[in-house]
């Protein structure tokens, strides 16, 4: 029988949330930084985290291994728009049953902050700027349900991180990626954006 670790799980998810908040604030996503991953404190997600806590990886993987499905993850991805799985929908293209919708840039940016923070949280002293990209590349070919443009943008931002580090990546996301061609913040997800790369 698994032992419960409520304090350790609470500490891990709170440290992660505070890291994401710090990064989101640096790129100008204040509301997203404050609201990031609040569902992890709900009973559906928190109790699973306490039961399957390991400290080195997501408890959702352990729940999935034990029961065949992670109810915590299904709850989480349905409430958090920074996960590309949130954007999976029925397809009308006649070729696919389901496919990924294109994510608004502000959620792609939050996803990058989430990946940096998760890598820092789980790897501790072993973290380098290369880790988020390496984690993405391990599963890149299996991600058929992510919108191609979203996948391209995510990989591009992770490659900037890999090559130039956090400060330059955060500057680029705030001042280029999240801005339209006049240098203004993009407010509407449907707004056409110029590719700045």
N, C-alpha and C. Protein backbone atom coordinates (compact mmCIF):
# COMPACT_ATOMS: atom_id res chain seq x y z
N UNK A 1 0.83 -1.18 0.00
CA UNK A 1 0.00 0.00 0.00
C UNK A 1 0.88 1.26 0.00
N UNK A 2 0.48 2.25 -0.80
CA UNK A 2 1.24 3.49 -0.90
C UNK A 2 1.01 4.36 0.34
N UNK A 3 2.05 5.08 0.74
CA UNK A 3 1.88 5.98 1.87
C UNK A 3 1.51 7.37 1.34
N UNK A 4 0.85 8.14 2.17
CA UNK A 4 0.39 9.47 1.78
C UNK A 4 1.47 10.50 2.10
N UNK A 5 1.63 11.46 1.20
CA UNK A 5 2.61 12.52 1.39
C UNK A 5 1.99 13.89 1.11
N UNK A 6 0.99 14.31 1.89
CA UNK A 6 0.33 15.59 1.60
C UNK A 6 1.26 16.79 1.68
N UNK A 7 2.14 16.85 2.68
CA UNK A 7 3.00 18.00 2.81
C UNK A 7 4.02 18.07 1.67
N UNK A 8 4.64 16.93 1.35
CA UNK A 8 5.63 16.90 0.27
C UNK A 8 4.99 17.27 -1.07
N UNK A 9 3.79 16.75 -1.32
CA UNK A 9 3.10 17.08 -2.57
C UNK A 9 2.73 18.56 -2.59
N UNK A 10 2.19 19.06 -1.50
CA UNK A 10 1.83 20.48 -1.43
C UNK A 10 3.05 21.36 -1.68
N UNK A 11 4.16 21.01 -1.08
CA UNK A 11 5.39 21.79 -1.26
C UNK A 11 5.86 21.76 -2.71
N UNK A 12 5.78 20.58 -3.35
CA UNK A 12 6.23 20.45 -4.74
C UNK A 12 5.36 21.27 -5.68
N UNK A 13 4.03 21.14 -5.57
CA UNK A 13 3.17 21.86 -6.50
C UNK A 13 3.19 23.37 -6.24
N UNK A 14 3.39 23.76 -4.99
CA UNK A 14 3.44 25.18 -4.67
C UNK A 14 4.75 25.79 -5.17
N UNK A 15 5.84 25.07 -5.01
CA UNK A 15 7.12 25.56 -5.54
C UNK A 15 7.03 25.72 -7.06
N UNK A 16 6.41 24.73 -7.73
CA UNK A 16 6.23 24.81 -9.18
C UNK A 16 5.36 26.02 -9.55
N UNK A 17 4.26 26.17 -8.85
CA UNK A 17 3.34 27.27 -9.16
C UNK A 17 4.03 28.63 -8.99
N UNK A 18 4.81 28.79 -7.93
CA UNK A 18 5.51 30.05 -7.69
C UNK A 18 6.58 30.32 -8.75
N UNK A 19 7.25 29.26 -9.21
CA UNK A 19 8.23 29.41 -10.29
C UNK A 19 7.57 29.87 -11.58
N UNK A 20 6.45 29.21 -11.94
CA UNK A 20 5.73 29.60 -13.15
C UNK A 20 5.24 31.04 -13.02
N UNK A 21 4.75 31.40 -11.86
CA UNK A 21 4.26 32.75 -11.64
C UNK A 21 5.39 33.76 -11.85
N UNK A 22 6.55 33.48 -11.32
CA UNK A 22 7.70 34.37 -11.49
C UNK A 22 8.03 34.54 -12.97
N UNK A 23 8.09 33.44 -13.70
CA UNK A 23 8.41 33.50 -15.13
C UNK A 23 7.30 34.22 -15.91
N UNK A 24 6.05 33.92 -15.60
CA UNK A 24 4.93 34.58 -16.30
C UNK A 24 4.95 36.09 -16.06
N UNK A 25 5.26 36.49 -14.86
CA UNK A 25 5.34 37.93 -14.57
C UNK A 25 6.44 38.57 -15.40
N UNK A 26 7.55 37.87 -15.59
CA UNK A 26 8.67 38.43 -16.37
C UNK A 26 8.31 38.62 -17.84
N UNK A 27 7.34 37.83 -18.35
CA UNK A 27 6.96 38.00 -19.75
C UNK A 27 5.64 38.76 -19.89
N UNK A 28 5.13 39.29 -18.78
CA UNK A 28 3.95 40.13 -18.83
C UNK A 28 2.62 39.41 -18.75
N UNK A 29 2.62 38.14 -18.41
CA UNK A 29 1.38 37.36 -18.29
C UNK A 29 0.98 37.27 -16.81
N UNK A 30 0.54 38.39 -16.26
CA UNK A 30 0.29 38.47 -14.82
C UNK A 30 -0.90 37.61 -14.37
N UNK A 31 -2.01 37.71 -15.08
CA UNK A 31 -3.20 36.95 -14.70
C UNK A 31 -2.92 35.44 -14.81
N UNK A 32 -2.28 35.03 -15.91
CA UNK A 32 -1.97 33.61 -16.07
C UNK A 32 -1.00 33.13 -15.00
N UNK A 33 -0.07 33.99 -14.62
CA UNK A 33 0.87 33.62 -13.56
C UNK A 33 0.16 33.37 -12.24
N UNK A 34 -0.82 34.22 -11.93
CA UNK A 34 -1.57 34.06 -10.68
C UNK A 34 -2.48 32.84 -10.70
N UNK A 35 -3.08 32.55 -11.84
CA UNK A 35 -4.07 31.48 -11.93
C UNK A 35 -3.48 30.12 -12.32
N UNK A 36 -2.21 30.09 -12.65
CA UNK A 36 -1.59 28.87 -13.16
C UNK A 36 -1.78 27.68 -12.20
N UNK A 37 -2.29 26.59 -12.75
CA UNK A 37 -2.40 25.30 -12.04
C UNK A 37 -3.18 25.33 -10.73
N UNK A 38 -4.12 26.24 -10.58
CA UNK A 38 -4.91 26.25 -9.35
C UNK A 38 -5.69 24.96 -9.16
N UNK A 39 -6.02 24.28 -10.25
CA UNK A 39 -6.79 23.03 -10.14
C UNK A 39 -6.01 21.94 -9.41
N UNK A 40 -4.68 22.08 -9.30
CA UNK A 40 -3.89 21.07 -8.58
C UNK A 40 -4.23 21.04 -7.08
N UNK A 41 -4.88 22.10 -6.60
CA UNK A 41 -5.26 22.15 -5.19
C UNK A 41 -6.68 21.64 -4.96
N UNK A 42 -7.37 21.26 -6.04
CA UNK A 42 -8.72 20.69 -5.91
C UNK A 42 -8.60 19.26 -5.40
N UNK A 43 -9.62 18.74 -4.73
CA UNK A 43 -9.55 17.36 -4.22
C UNK A 43 -9.24 16.32 -5.30
N UNK A 44 -9.82 16.48 -6.48
CA UNK A 44 -9.62 15.50 -7.57
C UNK A 44 -8.14 15.34 -7.90
N UNK A 45 -7.41 16.43 -7.91
CA UNK A 45 -5.99 16.37 -8.27
C UNK A 45 -5.09 16.25 -7.05
N UNK A 46 -5.42 16.98 -6.00
CA UNK A 46 -4.52 17.01 -4.84
C UNK A 46 -4.42 15.65 -4.15
N UNK A 47 -5.54 14.96 -3.98
CA UNK A 47 -5.53 13.67 -3.29
C UNK A 47 -4.75 12.61 -4.07
N UNK A 48 -4.86 12.65 -5.39
CA UNK A 48 -4.05 11.74 -6.22
C UNK A 48 -2.57 12.05 -6.04
N UNK A 49 -2.24 13.35 -6.01
CA UNK A 49 -0.84 13.75 -5.82
C UNK A 49 -0.29 13.28 -4.49
N UNK A 50 -1.11 13.32 -3.45
CA UNK A 50 -0.68 12.84 -2.13
C UNK A 50 -0.45 11.33 -2.14
N UNK A 51 -1.35 10.62 -2.80
CA UNK A 51 -1.29 9.16 -2.82
C UNK A 51 -0.11 8.64 -3.64
N UNK A 52 0.15 9.28 -4.80
CA UNK A 52 1.16 8.77 -5.72
C UNK A 52 2.43 9.62 -5.76
N UNK A 53 2.63 10.45 -4.77
CA UNK A 53 3.79 11.33 -4.74
C UNK A 53 5.10 10.53 -4.81
N UNK A 54 6.03 11.02 -5.67
CA UNK A 54 7.37 10.41 -5.75
C UNK A 54 8.47 11.47 -5.67
N UNK A 55 8.15 12.69 -6.07
CA UNK A 55 9.12 13.77 -5.97
C UNK A 55 10.03 13.94 -7.17
N UNK A 56 10.12 12.92 -8.01
CA UNK A 56 11.00 12.98 -9.18
C UNK A 56 10.24 13.00 -10.50
N UNK A 57 8.94 12.79 -10.44
CA UNK A 57 8.11 12.83 -11.65
C UNK A 57 6.66 13.08 -11.24
N UNK A 58 5.82 13.30 -12.24
CA UNK A 58 4.43 13.60 -11.95
C UNK A 58 3.72 12.41 -11.31
N UNK A 59 2.93 12.65 -10.26
CA UNK A 59 2.14 11.56 -9.67
C UNK A 59 1.10 11.01 -10.65
N UNK A 60 0.75 11.80 -11.67
CA UNK A 60 -0.22 11.33 -12.67
C UNK A 60 0.29 10.10 -13.40
N UNK A 61 1.59 10.03 -13.64
CA UNK A 61 2.16 8.84 -14.29
C UNK A 61 2.02 7.61 -13.40
N UNK A 62 2.26 7.79 -12.12
CA UNK A 62 2.12 6.66 -11.18
C UNK A 62 0.66 6.23 -11.08
N UNK A 63 -0.27 7.18 -11.07
CA UNK A 63 -1.69 6.83 -11.05
C UNK A 63 -2.07 6.06 -12.32
N UNK A 64 -1.55 6.51 -13.46
CA UNK A 64 -1.81 5.86 -14.74
C UNK A 64 -1.30 4.42 -14.74
N UNK A 65 -0.11 4.22 -14.18
CA UNK A 65 0.47 2.88 -14.09
C UNK A 65 -0.35 1.98 -13.17
N UNK A 66 -0.86 2.54 -12.08
CA UNK A 66 -1.59 1.75 -11.09
C UNK A 66 -3.01 1.42 -11.52
N UNK A 67 -3.67 2.34 -12.22
CA UNK A 67 -5.10 2.16 -12.50
C UNK A 67 -5.44 2.08 -13.99
N UNK A 68 -4.47 2.43 -14.85
CA UNK A 68 -4.74 2.40 -16.29
C UNK A 68 -5.19 3.74 -16.86
N UNK A 69 -5.51 4.69 -16.00
CA UNK A 69 -5.92 6.03 -16.44
C UNK A 69 -5.62 7.01 -15.31
N UNK A 70 -5.30 8.23 -15.67
CA UNK A 70 -5.09 9.24 -14.64
C UNK A 70 -6.28 10.19 -14.63
N UNK A 71 -7.17 9.99 -13.67
CA UNK A 71 -8.32 10.87 -13.53
C UNK A 71 -7.87 12.29 -13.15
N UNK A 72 -6.77 12.36 -12.42
CA UNK A 72 -6.22 13.66 -12.06
C UNK A 72 -5.80 14.44 -13.31
N UNK A 73 -5.13 13.75 -14.25
CA UNK A 73 -4.68 14.41 -15.48
C UNK A 73 -5.87 14.84 -16.35
N UNK A 74 -6.88 13.98 -16.46
CA UNK A 74 -8.05 14.33 -17.26
C UNK A 74 -8.72 15.58 -16.69
N UNK A 75 -8.78 15.65 -15.38
CA UNK A 75 -9.33 16.84 -14.71
C UNK A 75 -8.45 18.05 -14.99
N UNK A 76 -7.14 17.87 -14.87
CA UNK A 76 -6.19 18.97 -15.00
C UNK A 76 -6.17 19.56 -16.41
N UNK A 77 -6.04 18.72 -17.42
CA UNK A 77 -5.92 19.23 -18.79
C UNK A 77 -7.20 19.90 -19.27
N UNK A 78 -8.33 19.51 -18.69
CA UNK A 78 -9.59 20.13 -19.07
C UNK A 78 -9.77 21.53 -18.50
N UNK A 79 -8.94 21.89 -17.53
CA UNK A 79 -9.10 23.18 -16.85
C UNK A 79 -7.91 24.12 -17.05
N UNK A 80 -6.90 23.67 -17.73
CA UNK A 80 -5.67 24.46 -17.86
C UNK A 80 -5.28 24.59 -19.33
N UNK A 81 -5.46 25.79 -19.88
CA UNK A 81 -5.30 26.02 -21.31
C UNK A 81 -3.85 26.04 -21.77
N UNK A 82 -2.90 25.99 -20.86
CA UNK A 82 -1.49 25.98 -21.28
C UNK A 82 -1.02 24.58 -21.66
N UNK A 83 -1.90 23.59 -21.61
CA UNK A 83 -1.57 22.23 -22.07
C UNK A 83 -2.16 22.03 -23.45
N UNK A 84 -1.34 21.58 -24.41
CA UNK A 84 -1.88 21.41 -25.76
C UNK A 84 -2.96 20.35 -25.82
N UNK A 85 -2.97 19.43 -24.86
CA UNK A 85 -4.03 18.42 -24.81
C UNK A 85 -5.40 19.05 -24.56
N UNK A 86 -5.42 20.22 -23.94
CA UNK A 86 -6.67 20.95 -23.71
C UNK A 86 -7.33 21.33 -25.03
N UNK A 87 -6.53 21.50 -26.08
CA UNK A 87 -7.00 22.02 -27.36
C UNK A 87 -7.35 20.94 -28.37
N UNK A 88 -7.44 19.69 -27.95
CA UNK A 88 -7.83 18.60 -28.85
C UNK A 88 -9.35 18.63 -29.03
N UNK A 89 -9.79 18.55 -30.29
CA UNK A 89 -11.22 18.67 -30.60
C UNK A 89 -11.54 17.75 -31.78
N UNK A 90 -12.83 17.59 -32.07
CA UNK A 90 -13.23 16.85 -33.26
C UNK A 90 -12.77 17.61 -34.49
N UNK A 91 -12.40 16.87 -35.51
CA UNK A 91 -11.93 17.47 -36.75
C UNK A 91 -13.06 17.55 -37.77
N UNK A 92 -13.04 18.61 -38.56
CA UNK A 92 -13.99 18.76 -39.65
C UNK A 92 -13.30 18.65 -41.01
N UNK A 93 -12.03 18.21 -40.99
CA UNK A 93 -11.29 18.18 -42.25
C UNK A 93 -11.55 16.93 -43.09
N UNK A 94 -12.34 15.99 -42.57
CA UNK A 94 -12.66 14.78 -43.33
C UNK A 94 -11.57 13.73 -43.31
N UNK A 95 -10.41 14.06 -42.79
CA UNK A 95 -9.29 13.13 -42.77
C UNK A 95 -9.02 12.55 -41.39
N UNK A 96 -9.22 13.37 -40.35
CA UNK A 96 -8.94 12.97 -38.98
C UNK A 96 -10.22 12.94 -38.15
N UNK A 97 -10.25 12.08 -37.15
CA UNK A 97 -11.38 12.06 -36.24
C UNK A 97 -11.21 13.19 -35.21
N UNK A 98 -10.01 13.25 -34.63
CA UNK A 98 -9.70 14.35 -33.72
C UNK A 98 -8.39 14.98 -34.15
N UNK A 99 -8.22 16.23 -33.78
CA UNK A 99 -6.96 16.92 -34.07
C UNK A 99 -6.81 18.09 -33.10
N UNK A 100 -5.62 18.63 -33.06
CA UNK A 100 -5.37 19.76 -32.18
C UNK A 100 -5.74 21.07 -32.83
N UNK A 101 -6.39 21.94 -32.07
CA UNK A 101 -6.64 23.30 -32.52
C UNK A 101 -5.40 24.13 -32.22
N UNK A 102 -5.20 25.19 -32.98
CA UNK A 102 -4.05 26.04 -32.76
C UNK A 102 -4.21 26.79 -31.44
N UNK A 103 -3.16 26.77 -30.63
CA UNK A 103 -3.19 27.45 -29.33
C UNK A 103 -2.88 28.93 -29.49
N UNK A 104 -3.59 29.78 -28.77
CA UNK A 104 -3.20 31.19 -28.72
C UNK A 104 -1.78 31.31 -28.14
N UNK A 105 -1.06 32.30 -28.62
CA UNK A 105 0.34 32.46 -28.22
C UNK A 105 0.53 32.64 -26.72
N UNK A 106 -0.42 33.29 -26.06
CA UNK A 106 -0.22 33.51 -24.62
C UNK A 106 -0.21 32.19 -23.86
N UNK A 107 -0.91 31.17 -24.37
CA UNK A 107 -0.90 29.87 -23.70
C UNK A 107 0.33 29.05 -24.09
N UNK A 108 0.82 29.24 -25.32
CA UNK A 108 2.08 28.59 -25.71
C UNK A 108 3.20 29.15 -24.83
N UNK A 109 3.19 30.47 -24.62
CA UNK A 109 4.20 31.10 -23.77
C UNK A 109 4.12 30.56 -22.34
N UNK A 110 2.90 30.43 -21.82
CA UNK A 110 2.73 29.87 -20.47
C UNK A 110 3.20 28.42 -20.43
N UNK A 111 2.97 27.67 -21.51
CA UNK A 111 3.44 26.28 -21.57
C UNK A 111 4.96 26.22 -21.48
N UNK A 112 5.65 27.14 -22.13
CA UNK A 112 7.11 27.17 -22.05
C UNK A 112 7.55 27.47 -20.61
N UNK A 113 6.87 28.42 -19.95
CA UNK A 113 7.20 28.74 -18.55
C UNK A 113 6.95 27.51 -17.66
N UNK A 114 5.88 26.77 -17.98
CA UNK A 114 5.53 25.56 -17.25
C UNK A 114 6.62 24.50 -17.42
N UNK A 115 7.11 24.35 -18.64
CA UNK A 115 8.13 23.33 -18.90
C UNK A 115 9.47 23.68 -18.25
N UNK A 116 9.83 24.94 -18.28
CA UNK A 116 11.06 25.37 -17.61
C UNK A 116 10.93 25.08 -16.11
N UNK A 117 9.81 25.48 -15.54
CA UNK A 117 9.60 25.32 -14.09
C UNK A 117 9.52 23.86 -13.67
N UNK A 118 8.84 23.03 -14.47
CA UNK A 118 8.76 21.60 -14.14
C UNK A 118 10.14 20.96 -14.18
N UNK A 119 10.93 21.32 -15.19
CA UNK A 119 12.29 20.77 -15.29
C UNK A 119 13.13 21.22 -14.09
N UNK A 120 13.02 22.48 -13.72
CA UNK A 120 13.76 22.98 -12.55
C UNK A 120 13.30 22.27 -11.27
N UNK A 121 11.99 22.08 -11.16
CA UNK A 121 11.42 21.49 -9.95
C UNK A 121 11.86 20.04 -9.78
N UNK A 122 11.77 19.26 -10.85
CA UNK A 122 12.07 17.83 -10.73
C UNK A 122 13.56 17.52 -10.81
N UNK A 123 14.34 18.34 -11.53
CA UNK A 123 15.76 18.04 -11.71
C UNK A 123 16.65 18.73 -10.68
N UNK A 124 16.14 19.79 -10.06
CA UNK A 124 16.93 20.49 -9.05
C UNK A 124 18.26 20.98 -9.58
N UNK A 125 19.36 20.60 -8.93
CA UNK A 125 20.71 21.04 -9.30
C UNK A 125 21.15 20.55 -10.67
N UNK A 126 20.52 19.50 -11.16
CA UNK A 126 20.90 18.95 -12.46
C UNK A 126 20.26 19.68 -13.64
N UNK A 127 19.39 20.66 -13.35
CA UNK A 127 18.72 21.39 -14.43
C UNK A 127 19.70 22.21 -15.25
N UNK A 128 19.51 22.17 -16.58
CA UNK A 128 20.20 23.07 -17.50
C UNK A 128 19.16 23.60 -18.49
N UNK A 129 19.52 24.61 -19.25
CA UNK A 129 18.61 25.19 -20.25
C UNK A 129 18.28 24.18 -21.35
N UNK A 130 19.03 23.11 -21.44
CA UNK A 130 18.82 22.12 -22.50
C UNK A 130 17.67 21.16 -22.17
N UNK A 131 17.36 21.00 -20.90
CA UNK A 131 16.42 19.96 -20.48
C UNK A 131 15.01 20.11 -21.07
N UNK A 132 14.39 21.29 -21.07
CA UNK A 132 13.03 21.38 -21.63
C UNK A 132 12.96 20.96 -23.10
N UNK A 133 13.96 21.33 -23.90
CA UNK A 133 13.97 20.92 -25.30
C UNK A 133 14.16 19.42 -25.41
N UNK A 134 15.08 18.85 -24.64
CA UNK A 134 15.32 17.40 -24.70
C UNK A 134 14.06 16.62 -24.33
N UNK A 135 13.35 17.10 -23.32
CA UNK A 135 12.10 16.45 -22.91
C UNK A 135 11.09 16.48 -24.05
N UNK A 136 10.98 17.63 -24.72
CA UNK A 136 10.06 17.76 -25.85
C UNK A 136 10.46 16.84 -27.00
N UNK A 137 11.74 16.79 -27.33
CA UNK A 137 12.21 16.00 -28.48
C UNK A 137 11.99 14.50 -28.28
N UNK A 138 11.98 14.05 -27.03
CA UNK A 138 11.75 12.62 -26.75
C UNK A 138 10.39 12.16 -27.25
N UNK A 139 9.40 13.06 -27.21
CA UNK A 139 8.04 12.66 -27.59
C UNK A 139 7.53 13.38 -28.84
N UNK A 140 8.37 14.19 -29.48
CA UNK A 140 7.94 15.03 -30.60
C UNK A 140 7.22 14.24 -31.69
N UNK A 141 7.77 13.11 -32.10
CA UNK A 141 7.20 12.34 -33.21
C UNK A 141 5.85 11.70 -32.84
N UNK A 142 5.60 11.52 -31.56
CA UNK A 142 4.34 10.91 -31.12
C UNK A 142 3.23 11.93 -30.94
N UNK A 143 3.55 13.21 -31.05
CA UNK A 143 2.57 14.27 -30.79
C UNK A 143 1.77 14.61 -32.04
N UNK A 144 1.07 13.64 -32.59
CA UNK A 144 0.29 13.85 -33.82
C UNK A 144 -0.94 14.71 -33.57
N UNK A 145 -1.40 14.81 -32.33
CA UNK A 145 -2.64 15.52 -32.02
C UNK A 145 -2.42 16.99 -31.66
N UNK A 146 -1.19 17.47 -31.72
CA UNK A 146 -0.93 18.88 -31.47
C UNK A 146 -0.97 19.61 -32.81
N UNK A 147 -1.53 20.80 -32.84
CA UNK A 147 -1.61 21.57 -34.08
C UNK A 147 -0.19 21.82 -34.60
N UNK A 148 0.05 21.64 -35.90
CA UNK A 148 1.41 21.79 -36.44
C UNK A 148 2.04 23.15 -36.13
N UNK A 149 1.26 24.23 -36.18
CA UNK A 149 1.82 25.55 -35.90
C UNK A 149 2.17 25.69 -34.43
N UNK A 150 1.34 25.14 -33.56
CA UNK A 150 1.64 25.16 -32.12
C UNK A 150 2.91 24.37 -31.84
N UNK A 151 3.05 23.22 -32.46
CA UNK A 151 4.25 22.40 -32.28
C UNK A 151 5.49 23.15 -32.75
N UNK A 152 5.37 23.82 -33.89
CA UNK A 152 6.49 24.58 -34.44
C UNK A 152 6.88 25.72 -33.51
N UNK A 153 5.89 26.45 -32.98
CA UNK A 153 6.17 27.56 -32.08
C UNK A 153 6.80 27.08 -30.77
N UNK A 154 6.25 26.01 -30.20
CA UNK A 154 6.79 25.46 -28.96
C UNK A 154 8.24 25.03 -29.15
N UNK A 155 8.51 24.28 -30.21
CA UNK A 155 9.88 23.83 -30.45
C UNK A 155 10.81 25.02 -30.69
N UNK A 156 10.33 26.01 -31.44
CA UNK A 156 11.16 27.19 -31.71
C UNK A 156 11.56 27.91 -30.43
N UNK A 157 10.61 28.10 -29.52
CA UNK A 157 10.91 28.78 -28.26
C UNK A 157 11.84 27.96 -27.39
N UNK A 158 11.65 26.64 -27.39
CA UNK A 158 12.55 25.78 -26.60
C UNK A 158 13.96 25.75 -27.20
N UNK A 159 14.06 25.89 -28.51
CA UNK A 159 15.39 25.95 -29.15
C UNK A 159 16.10 27.27 -28.82
N UNK A 160 15.33 28.36 -28.73
CA UNK A 160 15.93 29.63 -28.30
C UNK A 160 16.46 29.49 -26.88
N UNK A 161 15.66 28.87 -26.01
CA UNK A 161 16.10 28.62 -24.63
C UNK A 161 17.37 27.78 -24.62
N UNK A 162 17.39 26.72 -25.40
CA UNK A 162 18.52 25.80 -25.46
C UNK A 162 19.80 26.51 -25.90
N UNK A 163 19.66 27.41 -26.86
CA UNK A 163 20.83 28.06 -27.44
C UNK A 163 21.26 29.32 -26.69
N UNK A 164 20.29 30.12 -26.21
CA UNK A 164 20.62 31.43 -25.66
C UNK A 164 20.35 31.59 -24.16
N UNK A 165 19.66 30.63 -23.53
CA UNK A 165 19.40 30.72 -22.10
C UNK A 165 18.11 31.46 -21.78
N UNK A 166 17.83 31.55 -20.49
CA UNK A 166 16.54 32.07 -20.03
C UNK A 166 16.34 33.56 -20.28
N UNK A 167 17.32 34.38 -19.97
CA UNK A 167 17.12 35.83 -20.07
C UNK A 167 16.75 36.25 -21.49
N UNK A 168 17.48 35.77 -22.47
CA UNK A 168 17.20 36.14 -23.86
C UNK A 168 15.88 35.53 -24.33
N UNK A 169 15.58 34.33 -23.87
CA UNK A 169 14.31 33.69 -24.26
C UNK A 169 13.13 34.47 -23.70
N UNK A 170 13.20 34.83 -22.43
CA UNK A 170 12.11 35.59 -21.81
C UNK A 170 11.95 36.96 -22.48
N UNK A 171 13.06 37.61 -22.82
CA UNK A 171 13.00 38.89 -23.52
C UNK A 171 12.30 38.71 -24.87
N UNK A 172 12.69 37.66 -25.60
CA UNK A 172 12.11 37.41 -26.93
C UNK A 172 10.60 37.14 -26.82
N UNK A 173 10.20 36.32 -25.88
CA UNK A 173 8.78 35.99 -25.73
C UNK A 173 7.99 37.26 -25.40
N UNK A 174 8.49 38.05 -24.46
CA UNK A 174 7.75 39.25 -24.05
C UNK A 174 7.70 40.31 -25.15
N UNK A 175 8.83 40.55 -25.82
CA UNK A 175 8.94 41.69 -26.72
C UNK A 175 8.73 41.38 -28.20
N UNK A 176 8.72 40.11 -28.55
CA UNK A 176 8.52 39.74 -29.95
C UNK A 176 7.36 38.77 -30.10
N UNK A 177 7.47 37.62 -29.47
CA UNK A 177 6.49 36.54 -29.67
C UNK A 177 5.08 36.96 -29.24
N UNK A 178 4.95 37.65 -28.14
CA UNK A 178 3.64 38.04 -27.64
C UNK A 178 3.16 39.40 -28.17
N UNK A 179 3.91 39.99 -29.09
CA UNK A 179 3.53 41.29 -29.65
C UNK A 179 3.12 41.16 -31.10
N UNK A 180 2.24 42.03 -31.55
CA UNK A 180 1.90 42.07 -32.97
C UNK A 180 2.97 42.88 -33.70
N UNK A 181 2.77 43.11 -34.98
CA UNK A 181 3.81 43.75 -35.78
C UNK A 181 3.99 45.24 -35.49
N UNK A 182 3.19 45.82 -34.61
CA UNK A 182 3.37 47.22 -34.21
C UNK A 182 3.97 47.32 -32.81
N UNK A 183 4.35 46.17 -32.24
CA UNK A 183 4.95 46.18 -30.91
C UNK A 183 3.94 46.19 -29.78
N UNK A 184 2.65 46.00 -30.09
CA UNK A 184 1.62 45.99 -29.05
C UNK A 184 1.32 44.56 -28.64
N UNK A 185 0.91 44.41 -27.39
CA UNK A 185 0.51 43.09 -26.89
C UNK A 185 -0.68 42.58 -27.70
N UNK A 186 -0.66 41.29 -28.02
CA UNK A 186 -1.76 40.68 -28.74
C UNK A 186 -2.87 40.38 -27.76
N UNK A 187 -4.07 40.89 -27.99
CA UNK A 187 -5.18 40.69 -27.06
C UNK A 187 -6.10 39.56 -27.50
N UNK A 188 -6.30 39.40 -28.79
CA UNK A 188 -7.24 38.41 -29.28
C UNK A 188 -6.51 37.21 -29.85
N UNK A 189 -6.90 35.97 -29.43
CA UNK A 189 -6.23 34.80 -29.96
C UNK A 189 -6.44 34.64 -31.46
N UNK A 190 -7.51 35.21 -32.00
CA UNK A 190 -7.79 35.05 -33.42
C UNK A 190 -7.08 36.06 -34.30
N UNK A 191 -6.38 37.01 -33.70
CA UNK A 191 -5.71 38.05 -34.47
C UNK A 191 -4.59 37.46 -35.31
N UNK A 192 -4.47 37.90 -36.57
CA UNK A 192 -3.40 37.40 -37.42
C UNK A 192 -2.08 37.98 -36.95
N UNK A 193 -1.09 37.12 -36.85
CA UNK A 193 0.20 37.55 -36.36
C UNK A 193 1.26 37.34 -37.41
N UNK A 194 2.18 38.26 -37.49
CA UNK A 194 3.32 38.09 -38.37
C UNK A 194 4.32 37.15 -37.69
N UNK A 195 4.91 36.27 -38.47
CA UNK A 195 5.92 35.36 -37.92
C UNK A 195 7.21 36.15 -37.80
N UNK A 196 7.70 36.33 -36.57
CA UNK A 196 8.87 37.17 -36.34
C UNK A 196 10.18 36.41 -36.49
N UNK A 197 10.11 35.12 -36.77
CA UNK A 197 11.35 34.36 -36.92
C UNK A 197 11.81 34.34 -38.34
